[in-house]
Amino acid sequence: MAALTQKVQILLTDEQHQALLGLAKARGRPLSVLVRETVVEQLVAEARRVAKQKAFEEIISMALPVADWPEMEAQIERAHIESQAPQ
């Protein structure tokens, strides 16, 4: 684990603080560890969201040959029928 060198101060309501203390106690972890784990979870979730968005943008920017719907539907149906035929 990397050295913990940065300090962050946050203000919580009494209810938030008590809820977090209860959660930390239930998990058998110090509150500071619970908060750090939550920060990591959020950073990972954001990185995944950004990666998915980037992949989506790359896919929609591709110039792929796409037929009109009736032709594509016919191709799908033919492929399905062929896959059901005995070999």
PDB file of N, CA and C in Angstrom:
ATOM      1  N   MET A   1       0.844  -1.182   0.000  1.00  0.00           N
ATOM      2  CA  MET A   1       0.000   0.000   0.000  1.00  0.00           C
ATOM      3  C   MET A   1       0.885   1.240   0.000  1.00  0.00           C
ATOM      4  N   ALA A   2       0.469   2.222  -0.738  1.00  0.00           N
ATOM      5  CA  ALA A   2       1.221   3.472  -0.800  1.00  0.00           C
ATOM      6  C   ALA A   2       1.161   4.182   0.550  1.00  0.00           C
ATOM      7  N   ALA A   3       2.179   4.978   0.801  1.00  0.00           N
ATOM      8  CA  ALA A   3       2.217   5.734   2.055  1.00  0.00           C
ATOM      9  C   ALA A   3       1.078   6.745   2.087  1.00  0.00           C
ATOM     10  N   LEU A   4       0.461   6.861   3.223  1.00  0.00           N
ATOM     11  CA  LEU A   4      -0.640   7.812   3.400  1.00  0.00           C
ATOM     12  C   LEU A   4      -0.042   9.145   3.834  1.00  0.00           C
ATOM     13  N   THR A   5       0.010  10.093   2.892  1.00  0.00           N
ATOM     14  CA  THR A   5       0.678  11.362   3.177  1.00  0.00           C
ATOM     15  C   THR A   5      -0.241  12.571   3.086  1.00  0.00           C
ATOM     16  N   GLN A   6      -1.454  12.384   2.559  1.00  0.00           N
ATOM     17  CA  GLN A   6      -2.364  13.508   2.371  1.00  0.00           C
ATOM     18  C   GLN A   6      -3.517  13.420   3.365  1.00  0.00           C
ATOM     19  N   LYS A   7      -3.885  14.551   3.899  1.00  0.00           N
ATOM     20  CA  LYS A   7      -4.970  14.612   4.874  1.00  0.00           C
ATOM     21  C   LYS A   7      -6.124  15.401   4.269  1.00  0.00           C
ATOM     22  N   VAL A   8      -7.329  14.890   4.476  1.00  0.00           N
ATOM     23  CA  VAL A   8      -8.537  15.562   4.006  1.00  0.00           C
ATOM     24  C   VAL A   8      -9.458  15.721   5.197  1.00  0.00           C
ATOM     25  N   GLN A   9     -10.053  16.882   5.318  1.00  0.00           N
ATOM     26  CA  GLN A   9     -10.994  17.114   6.406  1.00  0.00           C
ATOM     27  C   GLN A   9     -12.375  17.318   5.805  1.00  0.00           C
ATOM     28  N   ILE A  10     -13.356  16.615   6.362  1.00  0.00           N
ATOM     29  CA  ILE A  10     -14.735  16.788   5.919  1.00  0.00           C
ATOM     30  C   ILE A  10     -15.616  17.034   7.134  1.00  0.00           C
ATOM     31  N   LEU A  11     -16.710  17.692   6.904  1.00  0.00           N
ATOM     32  CA  LEU A  11     -17.683  17.925   7.966  1.00  0.00           C
ATOM     33  C   LEU A  11     -18.931  17.112   7.651  1.00  0.00           C
ATOM     34  N   LEU A  12     -19.422  16.401   8.655  1.00  0.00           N
ATOM     35  CA  LEU A  12     -20.606  15.562   8.514  1.00  0.00           C
ATOM     36  C   LEU A  12     -21.666  16.000   9.504  1.00  0.00           C
ATOM     37  N   THR A  13     -22.891  15.648   9.208  1.00  0.00           N
ATOM     38  CA  THR A  13     -23.934  15.850  10.209  1.00  0.00           C
ATOM     39  C   THR A  13     -23.745  14.786  11.290  1.00  0.00           C
ATOM     40  N   ASP A  14     -24.356  14.998  12.437  1.00  0.00           N
ATOM     41  CA  ASP A  14     -24.284  13.986  13.496  1.00  0.00           C
ATOM     42  C   ASP A  14     -24.828  12.651  13.003  1.00  0.00           C
ATOM     43  N   GLU A  15     -25.912  12.703  12.238  1.00  0.00           N
ATOM     44  CA  GLU A  15     -26.522  11.476  11.729  1.00  0.00           C
ATOM     45  C   GLU A  15     -25.583  10.738  10.776  1.00  0.00           C
ATOM     46  N   GLN A  16     -24.940  11.470   9.883  1.00  0.00           N
ATOM     47  CA  GLN A  16     -23.993  10.848   8.959  1.00  0.00           C
ATOM     48  C   GLN A  16     -22.839  10.211   9.720  1.00  0.00           C
ATOM     49  N   HIS A  17     -22.312  10.939  10.689  1.00  0.00           N
ATOM     50  CA  HIS A  17     -21.181  10.446  11.465  1.00  0.00           C
ATOM     51  C   HIS A  17     -21.562   9.181  12.229  1.00  0.00           C
ATOM     52  N   GLN A  18     -22.708   9.201  12.884  1.00  0.00           N
ATOM     53  CA  GLN A  18     -23.151   8.027  13.640  1.00  0.00           C
ATOM     54  C   GLN A  18     -23.388   6.834  12.708  1.00  0.00           C
ATOM     55  N   ALA A  19     -23.969   7.097  11.546  1.00  0.00           N
ATOM     56  CA  ALA A  19     -24.210   6.016  10.586  1.00  0.00           C
ATOM     57  C   ALA A  19     -22.897   5.401  10.122  1.00  0.00           C
ATOM     58  N   LEU A  20     -21.916   6.243   9.834  1.00  0.00           N
ATOM     59  CA  LEU A  20     -20.613   5.731   9.406  1.00  0.00           C
ATOM     60  C   LEU A  20     -19.912   4.971  10.523  1.00  0.00           C
ATOM     61  N   LEU A  21     -19.989   5.490  11.736  1.00  0.00           N
ATOM     62  CA  LEU A  21     -19.394   4.777  12.872  1.00  0.00           C
ATOM     63  C   LEU A  21     -20.045   3.409  13.046  1.00  0.00           C
ATOM     64  N   GLY A  22     -21.365   3.359  12.914  1.00  0.00           N
ATOM     65  CA  GLY A  22     -22.067   2.086  13.029  1.00  0.00           C
ATOM     66  C   GLY A  22     -21.664   1.109  11.941  1.00  0.00           C
ATOM     67  N   LEU A  23     -21.526   1.609  10.736  1.00  0.00           N
ATOM     68  CA  LEU A  23     -21.108   0.764   9.623  1.00  0.00           C
ATOM     69  C   LEU A  23     -19.685   0.255   9.827  1.00  0.00           C
ATOM     70  N   ALA A  24     -18.805   1.142  10.243  1.00  0.00           N
ATOM     71  CA  ALA A  24     -17.415   0.750  10.495  1.00  0.00           C
ATOM     72  C   ALA A  24     -17.358  -0.313  11.590  1.00  0.00           C
ATOM     73  N   LYS A  25     -18.119  -0.118  12.642  1.00  0.00           N
ATOM     74  CA  LYS A  25     -18.136  -1.085  13.743  1.00  0.00           C
ATOM     75  C   LYS A  25     -18.680  -2.428  13.261  1.00  0.00           C
ATOM     76  N   ALA A  26     -19.751  -2.396  12.477  1.00  0.00           N
ATOM     77  CA  ALA A  26     -20.343  -3.634  11.962  1.00  0.00           C
ATOM     78  C   ALA A  26     -19.367  -4.397  11.075  1.00  0.00           C
ATOM     79  N   ARG A  27     -18.531  -3.677  10.378  1.00  0.00           N
ATOM     80  CA  ARG A  27     -17.548  -4.315   9.491  1.00  0.00           C
ATOM     81  C   ARG A  27     -16.233  -4.611  10.203  1.00  0.00           C
ATOM     82  N   GLY A  28     -16.132  -4.151  11.435  1.00  0.00           N
ATOM     83  CA  GLY A  28     -14.902  -4.398  12.186  1.00  0.00           C
ATOM     84  C   GLY A  28     -13.702  -3.654  11.640  1.00  0.00           C
ATOM     85  N   ARG A  29     -13.947  -2.446  11.153  1.00  0.00           N
ATOM     86  CA  ARG A  29     -12.873  -1.645  10.565  1.00  0.00           C
ATOM     87  C   ARG A  29     -12.916  -0.247  11.164  1.00  0.00           C
ATOM     88  N   PRO A  30     -11.771   0.401  11.215  1.00  0.00           N
ATOM     89  CA  PRO A  30     -11.765   1.796  11.653  1.00  0.00           C
ATOM     90  C   PRO A  30     -12.513   2.672  10.639  1.00  0.00           C
ATOM     91  N   LEU A  31     -13.079   3.746  11.125  1.00  0.00           N
ATOM     92  CA  LEU A  31     -13.801   4.673  10.256  1.00  0.00           C
ATOM     93  C   LEU A  31     -12.899   5.182   9.132  1.00  0.00           C
ATOM     94  N   SER A  32     -11.653   5.467   9.441  1.00  0.00           N
ATOM     95  CA  SER A  32     -10.731   5.984   8.419  1.00  0.00           C
ATOM     96  C   SER A  32     -10.546   4.981   7.280  1.00  0.00           C
ATOM     97  N   VAL A  33     -10.471   3.700   7.612  1.00  0.00           N
ATOM     98  CA  VAL A  33     -10.317   2.669   6.581  1.00  0.00           C
ATOM     99  C   VAL A  33     -11.583   2.597   5.731  1.00  0.00           C
ATOM    100  N   LEU A  34     -12.728   2.655   6.384  1.00  0.00           N
ATOM    101  CA  LEU A  34     -14.002   2.635   5.660  1.00  0.00           C
ATOM    102  C   LEU A  34     -14.079   3.799   4.674  1.00  0.00           C
ATOM    103  N   VAL A  35     -13.698   4.976   5.108  1.00  0.00           N
ATOM    104  CA  VAL A  35     -13.740   6.153   4.235  1.00  0.00           C
ATOM    105  C   VAL A  35     -12.758   5.990   3.078  1.00  0.00           C
ATOM    106  N   ARG A  36     -11.532   5.516   3.352  1.00  0.00           N
ATOM    107  CA  ARG A  36     -10.553   5.318   2.274  1.00  0.00           C
ATOM    108  C   ARG A  36     -11.051   4.286   1.262  1.00  0.00           C
ATOM    109  N   GLU A  37     -11.654   3.197   1.750  1.00  0.00           N
ATOM    110  CA  GLU A  37     -12.184   2.180   0.840  1.00  0.00           C
ATOM    111  C   GLU A  37     -13.288   2.760  -0.041  1.00  0.00           C
ATOM    112  N   THR A  38     -14.109   3.598   0.540  1.00  0.00           N
ATOM    113  CA  THR A  38     -15.187   4.222  -0.219  1.00  0.00           C
ATOM    114  C   THR A  38     -14.631   5.167  -1.278  1.00  0.00           C
ATOM    115  N   VAL A  39     -13.585   5.889  -0.938  1.00  0.00           N
ATOM    116  CA  VAL A  39     -12.935   6.773  -1.914  1.00  0.00           C
ATOM    117  C   VAL A  39     -12.404   5.944  -3.077  1.00  0.00           C
ATOM    118  N   VAL A  40     -11.744   4.838  -2.782  1.00  0.00           N
ATOM    119  CA  VAL A  40     -11.206   3.974  -3.837  1.00  0.00           C
ATOM    120  C   VAL A  40     -12.340   3.437  -4.712  1.00  0.00           C
ATOM    121  N   GLU A  41     -13.425   2.993  -4.092  1.00  0.00           N
ATOM    122  CA  GLU A  41     -14.576   2.492  -4.855  1.00  0.00           C
ATOM    123  C   GLU A  41     -15.097   3.550  -5.818  1.00  0.00           C
ATOM    124  N   GLN A  42     -15.189   4.781  -5.365  1.00  0.00           N
ATOM    125  CA  GLN A  42     -15.686   5.861  -6.215  1.00  0.00           C
ATOM    126  C   GLN A  42     -14.715   6.169  -7.351  1.00  0.00           C
ATOM    127  N   LEU A  43     -13.421   6.141  -7.064  1.00  0.00           N
ATOM    128  CA  LEU A  43     -12.427   6.392  -8.109  1.00  0.00           C
ATOM    129  C   LEU A  43     -12.462   5.292  -9.164  1.00  0.00           C
ATOM    130  N   VAL A  44     -12.593   4.051  -8.733  1.00  0.00           N
ATOM    131  CA  VAL A  44     -12.678   2.928  -9.667  1.00  0.00           C
ATOM    132  C   VAL A  44     -13.954   3.032 -10.497  1.00  0.00           C
ATOM    133  N   ALA A  45     -15.072   3.341  -9.850  1.00  0.00           N
ATOM    134  CA  ALA A  45     -16.342   3.479 -10.571  1.00  0.00           C
ATOM    135  C   ALA A  45     -16.252   4.579 -11.624  1.00  0.00           C
ATOM    136  N   GLU A  46     -15.631   5.681 -11.292  1.00  0.00           N
ATOM    137  CA  GLU A  46     -15.490   6.784 -12.250  1.00  0.00           C
ATOM    138  C   GLU A  46     -14.578   6.382 -13.404  1.00  0.00           C
ATOM    139  N   ALA A  47     -13.487   5.682 -13.100  1.00  0.00           N
ATOM    140  CA  ALA A  47     -12.581   5.229 -14.159  1.00  0.00           C
ATOM    141  C   ALA A  47     -13.312   4.279 -15.110  1.00  0.00           C
ATOM    142  N   ARG A  48     -14.135   3.395 -14.564  1.00  0.00           N
ATOM    143  CA  ARG A  48     -14.918   2.481 -15.411  1.00  0.00           C
ATOM    144  C   ARG A  48     -15.925   3.258 -16.260  1.00  0.00           C
ATOM    145  N   ARG A  49     -16.583   4.233 -15.656  1.00  0.00           N
ATOM    146  CA  ARG A  49     -17.558   5.028 -16.402  1.00  0.00           C
ATOM    147  C   ARG A  49     -16.887   5.749 -17.568  1.00  0.00           C
ATOM    148  N   VAL A  50     -15.723   6.330 -17.311  1.00  0.00           N
ATOM    149  CA  VAL A  50     -14.984   7.041 -18.354  1.00  0.00           C
ATOM    150  C   VAL A  50     -14.549   6.070 -19.447  1.00  0.00           C
ATOM    151  N   ALA A  51     -14.076   4.885 -19.065  1.00  0.00           N
ATOM    152  CA  ALA A  51     -13.647   3.890 -20.049  1.00  0.00           C
ATOM    153  C   ALA A  51     -14.824   3.431 -20.910  1.00  0.00           C
ATOM    154  N   LYS A  52     -15.974   3.212 -20.291  1.00  0.00           N
ATOM    155  CA  LYS A  52     -17.163   2.808 -21.052  1.00  0.00           C
ATOM    156  C   LYS A  52     -17.592   3.907 -22.013  1.00  0.00           C
ATOM    157  N   GLN A  53     -17.562   5.145 -21.548  1.00  0.00           N
ATOM    158  CA  GLN A  53     -17.939   6.271 -22.406  1.00  0.00           C
ATOM    159  C   GLN A  53     -16.988   6.376 -23.586  1.00  0.00           C
ATOM    160  N   LYS A  54     -15.689   6.206 -23.330  1.00  0.00           N
ATOM    161  CA  LYS A  54     -14.696   6.274 -24.401  1.00  0.00           C
ATOM    162  C   LYS A  54     -14.931   5.155 -25.410  1.00  0.00           C
ATOM    163  N   ALA A  55     -15.182   3.937 -24.910  1.00  0.00           N
ATOM    164  CA  ALA A  55     -15.442   2.813 -25.808  1.00  0.00           C
ATOM    165  C   ALA A  55     -16.691   3.071 -26.641  1.00  0.00           C
ATOM    166  N   PHE A  56     -17.731   3.586 -26.000  1.00  0.00           N
ATOM    167  CA  PHE A  56     -18.971   3.906 -26.712  1.00  0.00           C
ATOM    168  C   PHE A  56     -18.704   4.922 -27.816  1.00  0.00           C
ATOM    169  N   GLU A  57     -17.973   5.979 -27.490  1.00  0.00           N
ATOM    170  CA  GLU A  57     -17.683   7.014 -28.483  1.00  0.00           C
ATOM    171  C   GLU A  57     -16.852   6.464 -29.635  1.00  0.00           C
ATOM    172  N   GLU A  58     -15.911   5.553 -29.330  1.00  0.00           N
ATOM    173  CA  GLU A  58     -15.114   4.945 -30.392  1.00  0.00           C
ATOM    174  C   GLU A  58     -15.981   4.083 -31.299  1.00  0.00           C
ATOM    175  N   ILE A  59     -16.901   3.335 -30.696  1.00  0.00           N
ATOM    176  CA  ILE A  59     -17.770   2.465 -31.489  1.00  0.00           C
ATOM    177  C   ILE A  59     -18.674   3.284 -32.401  1.00  0.00           C
ATOM    178  N   ILE A  60     -19.289   4.332 -31.856  1.00  0.00           N
ATOM    179  CA  ILE A  60     -20.217   5.098 -32.701  1.00  0.00           C
ATOM    180  C   ILE A  60     -19.494   5.936 -33.751  1.00  0.00           C
ATOM    181  N   SER A  61     -18.195   6.140 -33.584  1.00  0.00           N
ATOM    182  CA  SER A  61     -17.459   6.905 -34.585  1.00  0.00           C
ATOM    183  C   SER A  61     -16.940   6.023 -35.720  1.00  0.00           C
ATOM    184  N   MET A  62     -17.083   4.699 -35.574  1.00  0.00           N
ATOM    185  CA  MET A  62     -16.610   3.791 -36.615  1.00  0.00           C
ATOM    186  C   MET A  62     -17.509   3.895 -37.844  1.00  0.00           C
ATOM    187  N   ALA A  63     -16.880   3.850 -38.991  1.00  0.00           N
ATOM    188  CA  ALA A  63     -17.635   3.864 -40.241  1.00  0.00           C
ATOM    189  C   ALA A  63     -17.818   2.415 -40.687  1.00  0.00           C
ATOM    190  N   LEU A  64     -18.788   1.747 -40.085  1.00  0.00           N
ATOM    191  CA  LEU A  64     -19.028   0.343 -40.391  1.00  0.00           C
ATOM    192  C   LEU A  64     -20.113   0.222 -41.453  1.00  0.00           C
ATOM    193  N   PRO A  65     -19.944  -0.757 -42.347  1.00  0.00           N
ATOM    194  CA  PRO A  65     -20.987  -0.952 -43.358  1.00  0.00           C
ATOM    195  C   PRO A  65     -22.230  -1.555 -42.709  1.00  0.00           C
ATOM    196  N   VAL A  66     -23.320  -0.847 -42.807  1.00  0.00           N
ATOM    197  CA  VAL A  66     -24.564  -1.316 -42.219  1.00  0.00           C
ATOM    198  C   VAL A  66     -25.648  -1.236 -43.286  1.00  0.00           C
ATOM    199  N   ALA A  67     -26.324  -2.370 -43.471  1.00  0.00           N
ATOM    200  CA  ALA A  67     -27.402  -2.410 -44.455  1.00  0.00           C
ATOM    201  C   ALA A  67     -28.657  -1.773 -43.869  1.00  0.00           C
ATOM    202  N   ASP A  68     -29.652  -1.588 -44.722  1.00  0.00           N
ATOM    203  CA  ASP A  68     -30.916  -1.085 -44.196  1.00  0.00           C
ATOM    204  C   ASP A  68     -31.603  -2.211 -43.425  1.00  0.00           C
ATOM    205  N   TRP A  69     -32.583  -1.856 -42.603  1.00  0.00           N
ATOM    206  CA  TRP A  69     -33.177  -2.831 -41.686  1.00  0.00           C
ATOM    207  C   TRP A  69     -33.789  -4.046 -42.386  1.00  0.00           C
ATOM    208  N   PRO A  70     -34.566  -3.914 -43.446  1.00  0.00           N
ATOM    209  CA  PRO A  70     -35.135  -5.114 -44.071  1.00  0.00           C
ATOM    210  C   PRO A  70     -34.061  -6.106 -44.526  1.00  0.00           C
ATOM    211  N   GLU A  71     -32.966  -5.599 -45.065  1.00  0.00           N
ATOM    212  CA  GLU A  71     -31.883  -6.478 -45.507  1.00  0.00           C
ATOM    213  C   GLU A  71     -31.206  -7.142 -44.302  1.00  0.00           C
ATOM    214  N   MET A  72     -30.960  -6.375 -43.257  1.00  0.00           N
ATOM    215  CA  MET A  72     -30.333  -6.952 -42.058  1.00  0.00           C
ATOM    216  C   MET A  72     -31.243  -7.998 -41.425  1.00  0.00           C
ATOM    217  N   GLU A  73     -32.530  -7.715 -41.382  1.00  0.00           N
ATOM    218  CA  GLU A  73     -33.480  -8.666 -40.798  1.00  0.00           C
ATOM    219  C   GLU A  73     -33.474  -9.973 -41.587  1.00  0.00           C
ATOM    220  N   ALA A  74     -33.441  -9.868 -42.912  1.00  0.00           N
ATOM    221  CA  ALA A  74     -33.400 -11.064 -43.755  1.00  0.00           C
ATOM    222  C   ALA A  74     -32.118 -11.852 -43.508  1.00  0.00           C
ATOM    223  N   GLN A  75     -30.990 -11.169 -43.357  1.00  0.00           N
ATOM    224  CA  GLN A  75     -29.726 -11.849 -43.076  1.00  0.00           C
ATOM    225  C   GLN A  75     -29.786 -12.579 -41.736  1.00  0.00           C
ATOM    226  N   ILE A  76     -30.357 -11.941 -40.746  1.00  0.00           N
ATOM    227  CA  ILE A  76     -30.482 -12.558 -39.418  1.00  0.00           C
ATOM    228  C   ILE A  76     -31.359 -13.796 -39.501  1.00  0.00           C
ATOM    229  N   GLU A  77     -32.483 -13.674 -40.193  1.00  0.00           N
ATOM    230  CA  GLU A  77     -33.391 -14.813 -40.319  1.00  0.00           C
ATOM    231  C   GLU A  77     -32.732 -15.961 -41.068  1.00  0.00           C
ATOM    232  N   ARG A  78     -32.013 -15.668 -42.167  1.00  0.00           N
ATOM    233  CA  ARG A  78     -31.310 -16.720 -42.915  1.00  0.00           C
ATOM    234  C   ARG A  78     -30.285 -17.418 -42.034  1.00  0.00           C
ATOM    235  N   ALA A  79     -29.507 -16.642 -41.293  1.00  0.00           N
ATOM    236  CA  ALA A  79     -28.487 -17.231 -40.419  1.00  0.00           C
ATOM    237  C   ALA A  79     -29.131 -18.100 -39.349  1.00  0.00           C
ATOM    238  N   HIS A  80     -30.255 -17.666 -38.825  1.00  0.00           N
ATOM    239  CA  HIS A  80     -30.952 -18.453 -37.802  1.00  0.00           C
ATOM    240  C   HIS A  80     -31.462 -19.764 -38.393  1.00  0.00           C
ATOM    241  N   ILE A  81     -32.071 -19.698 -39.559  1.00  0.00           N
ATOM    242  CA  ILE A  81     -32.585 -20.908 -40.212  1.00  0.00           C
ATOM    243  C   ILE A  81     -31.443 -21.864 -40.518  1.00  0.00           C
ATOM    244  N   GLU A  82     -30.336 -21.339 -41.037  1.00  0.00           N
ATOM    245  CA  GLU A  82     -29.178 -22.186 -41.350  1.00  0.00           C
ATOM    246  C   GLU A  82     -28.595 -22.826 -40.097  1.00  0.00           C
ATOM    247  N   SER A  83     -28.622 -22.114 -38.983  1.00  0.00           N
ATOM    248  CA  SER A  83     -28.065 -22.678 -37.744  1.00  0.00           C
ATOM    249  C   SER A  83     -28.954 -23.776 -37.176  1.00  0.00           C
ATOM    250  N   GLN A  84     -30.238 -23.787 -37.557  1.00  0.00           N
ATOM    251  CA  GLN A  84     -31.175 -24.796 -37.070  1.00  0.00           C
ATOM    252  C   GLN A  84     -31.198 -26.036 -37.962  1.00  0.00           C
ATOM    253  N   ALA A  85     -30.664 -25.917 -39.182  1.00  0.00           N
ATOM    254  CA  ALA A  85     -30.700 -27.034 -40.128  1.00  0.00           C
ATOM    255  C   ALA A  85     -29.785 -28.158 -39.654  1.00  0.00           C
ATOM    256  N   PRO A  86     -30.228 -29.428 -39.828  1.00  0.00           N
ATOM    257  CA  PRO A  86     -29.363 -30.555 -39.438  1.00  0.00           C
ATOM    258  C   PRO A  86     -28.106 -30.583 -40.297  1.00  0.00           C
ATOM    259  N   GLN A  87     -27.027 -30.998 -39.700  1.00  0.00           N
ATOM    260  CA  GLN A  87     -25.737 -30.995 -40.406  1.00  0.00           C
ATOM    261  C   GLN A  87     -25.444 -32.345 -40.990  1.00  0.00           C
TER     262      GLN A  87
END
